[in-house]
């Protein structure tokens, strides 16, 4: 019997998608996630960490958190909707993305902030409160996430 050994592909890029899809463009903007699945299927060296506040598919607002690797979904979790304009929520997402990157041995980490609900408001908007996180607060939340990651044990 001939057996073929498959070596685990080294992750080279961890791509975080922080997506606040909580309005009438939600379904059309979901193409981002389909593209992530396809990209990871074509290139298994790319892994995605996703936090997606959405109502797509159910009509009820929720936050989906998961990873995408080799065209599949892992570590899936569905929760009550997160406040995507919260600096603490963004910091936790950044830390989680960096944790995933470290676990998988990624050499680069990128983060995409997607919020089509805020329009040209210059930040991330919480749909229920209309609170907007301005750019300086986004920068601080990202820095806080890096610090949070640095203080966590990996395993």
Protein backbone atom coordinates (compact mmCIF):
# COMPACT_ATOMS: atom_id res chain seq x y z
CA UNK A 1 0.00 0.00 0.00
CA UNK A 2 1.43 3.34 -1.06
CA UNK A 3 0.90 6.17 1.37
CA UNK A 4 1.44 9.81 0.59
CA UNK A 5 2.53 12.11 3.40
CA UNK A 6 1.13 15.64 3.28
CA UNK A 7 3.20 18.24 5.03
CA UNK A 8 1.35 21.03 6.82
CA UNK A 9 1.67 24.20 4.77
CA UNK A 10 3.35 27.04 6.65
CA UNK A 11 1.11 30.06 7.09
CA UNK A 12 2.84 33.16 5.79
CA UNK A 13 0.02 35.71 6.14
CA UNK A 14 -2.62 36.14 8.85
CA UNK A 15 -5.34 38.47 7.56
CA UNK A 16 -7.83 39.84 10.10
CA UNK A 17 -11.23 40.96 8.85
CA UNK A 18 -13.15 43.16 11.31
CA UNK A 19 -16.47 43.62 9.50
CA UNK A 20 -19.47 45.59 10.69
CA UNK A 21 -22.15 44.62 8.19
CA UNK A 22 -25.27 45.75 9.96
CA UNK A 23 -27.35 47.56 7.36
CA UNK A 24 -28.95 47.17 3.93
CA UNK A 25 -25.56 46.53 2.24
CA UNK A 26 -24.86 43.53 4.48
CA UNK A 27 -25.55 40.81 1.91
CA UNK A 28 -23.69 42.51 -0.94
CA UNK A 29 -20.67 43.17 1.30
CA UNK A 30 -20.54 39.50 2.33
CA UNK A 31 -18.62 38.85 -0.90
CA UNK A 32 -15.53 39.75 1.15
CA UNK A 33 -15.94 36.54 3.14
CA UNK A 34 -16.53 34.43 0.04
CA UNK A 35 -13.35 35.90 -1.44
CA UNK A 36 -11.46 35.01 1.75
CA UNK A 37 -12.66 31.39 1.51
CA UNK A 38 -11.63 31.19 -2.14
CA UNK A 39 -8.26 32.88 -1.53
CA UNK A 40 -7.41 30.51 1.30
CA UNK A 41 -8.45 27.53 -0.81
CA UNK A 42 -6.16 28.64 -3.64
CA UNK A 43 -3.29 29.57 -1.30
CA UNK A 44 -3.28 27.65 2.00
CA UNK A 45 -0.46 29.87 3.27
CA UNK A 46 -3.08 32.58 3.95
CA UNK A 47 -5.22 32.31 7.08
CA UNK A 48 -8.03 34.69 8.01
CA UNK A 49 -9.31 35.69 11.45
CA UNK A 50 -12.83 37.09 11.14
CA UNK A 51 -15.19 39.02 13.39
CA UNK A 52 -18.35 39.80 11.43
CA UNK A 53 -21.35 41.57 12.92
CA UNK A 54 -24.14 40.76 10.50
CA UNK A 55 -27.78 39.89 10.04
CA UNK A 56 -27.22 38.03 6.76
CA UNK A 57 -28.99 34.70 6.49
CA UNK A 58 -31.13 35.05 9.61
CA UNK A 59 -32.36 38.65 9.64
CA UNK A 60 -31.21 38.93 13.28
CA UNK A 61 -28.10 40.87 14.22
CA UNK A 62 -25.30 38.71 15.64
CA UNK A 63 -21.50 38.51 15.66
CA UNK A 64 -19.83 35.58 13.94
CA UNK A 65 -16.21 34.87 14.84
CA UNK A 66 -14.18 32.26 12.97
CA UNK A 67 -10.98 31.46 11.14
CA UNK A 68 -10.61 30.55 7.48
CA UNK A 69 -7.81 28.28 6.36
CA UNK A 70 -7.36 26.09 3.27
CA UNK A 71 -10.87 26.96 2.11
CA UNK A 72 -12.53 25.84 5.34
CA UNK A 73 -13.99 27.48 8.44
CA UNK A 74 -12.64 26.75 11.91
CA UNK A 75 -13.09 27.92 15.49
CA UNK A 76 -16.60 29.16 14.68
CA UNK A 77 -18.49 31.02 17.38
CA UNK A 78 -21.79 32.94 17.19
CA UNK A 79 -22.55 35.54 19.85
CA UNK A 80 -24.83 38.47 20.57
CA UNK A 81 -23.87 41.46 18.39
CA UNK A 82 -20.66 43.16 19.46
CA UNK A 83 -20.27 46.92 19.58
CA UNK A 84 -17.97 47.35 16.60
CA UNK A 85 -17.31 50.98 17.61
CA UNK A 86 -15.89 49.86 20.96
CA UNK A 87 -12.16 50.33 21.39
CA UNK A 88 -12.10 47.34 23.75
CA UNK A 89 -13.78 45.10 21.16
CA UNK A 90 -11.36 46.17 18.42
CA UNK A 91 -8.37 45.70 20.76
CA UNK A 92 -9.54 42.16 21.61
CA UNK A 93 -9.94 41.37 17.90
CA UNK A 94 -6.43 42.65 17.15
CA UNK A 95 -5.01 40.55 20.01
CA UNK A 96 -6.92 37.45 18.86
CA UNK A 97 -5.68 37.93 15.28
CA UNK A 98 -2.10 38.27 16.50
CA UNK A 99 -2.56 35.17 18.69
CA UNK A 100 -3.75 33.20 15.63
CA UNK A 101 -0.80 34.51 13.60
CA UNK A 102 1.65 33.43 16.27
CA UNK A 103 0.05 30.00 16.60
CA UNK A 104 0.23 29.39 12.86
CA UNK A 105 3.72 30.85 12.42
CA UNK A 106 2.59 33.64 10.08
CA UNK A 107 5.34 36.00 8.99
CA UNK A 108 2.99 38.94 8.30
CA UNK A 109 -0.28 40.13 9.81
CA UNK A 110 -2.72 42.51 8.13
CA UNK A 111 -6.01 43.82 9.49
CA UNK A 112 -8.92 45.14 7.44
CA UNK A 113 -11.55 47.31 9.11
CA UNK A 114 -14.78 47.22 7.14
CA UNK A 115 -17.74 49.34 8.21
CA UNK A 116 -20.11 50.43 5.49
CA UNK A 117 -22.58 51.79 8.06
CA UNK A 118 -20.49 54.84 8.95
CA UNK A 119 -20.22 56.18 5.42
CA UNK A 120 -17.80 59.09 5.33
CA UNK A 121 -17.90 59.53 9.10
CA UNK A 122 -14.20 58.78 9.37
CA UNK A 123 -14.42 55.83 11.75
CA UNK A 124 -16.29 52.73 12.86
CA UNK A 125 -19.97 53.11 13.74
CA UNK A 126 -22.10 51.15 16.19
CA UNK A 127 -25.45 50.72 14.46
CA UNK A 128 -27.58 50.64 17.59
CA UNK A 129 -26.08 53.73 19.26
CA UNK A 130 -24.77 55.62 16.19
CA UNK A 131 -21.53 56.06 18.20
CA UNK A 132 -18.54 56.51 15.90
CA UNK A 133 -14.99 55.51 16.84
CA UNK A 134 -12.78 58.17 15.21
CA UNK A 135 -9.41 57.41 13.62
CA UNK A 136 -7.27 58.37 16.67
CA UNK A 137 -9.34 56.00 18.84
CA UNK A 138 -8.98 53.25 16.20
CA UNK A 139 -5.20 53.72 16.29
CA UNK A 140 -5.24 53.53 20.10
CA UNK A 141 -7.40 50.38 20.06
CA UNK A 142 -4.99 48.71 17.63
CA UNK A 143 -2.04 49.65 19.89
CA UNK A 144 -3.98 48.32 22.90
CA UNK A 145 -4.58 45.06 21.03
CA UNK A 146 -0.87 44.67 20.31
CA UNK A 147 -0.14 45.18 24.03
CA UNK A 148 -2.88 42.72 25.02
CA UNK A 149 -1.43 40.09 22.67
CA UNK A 150 2.09 40.66 24.04
CA UNK A 151 0.85 40.01 27.59
CA UNK A 152 -0.98 36.75 26.81
CA UNK A 153 0.54 33.30 27.07
CA UNK A 154 0.28 31.62 23.67
CA UNK A 155 -1.15 28.30 24.83
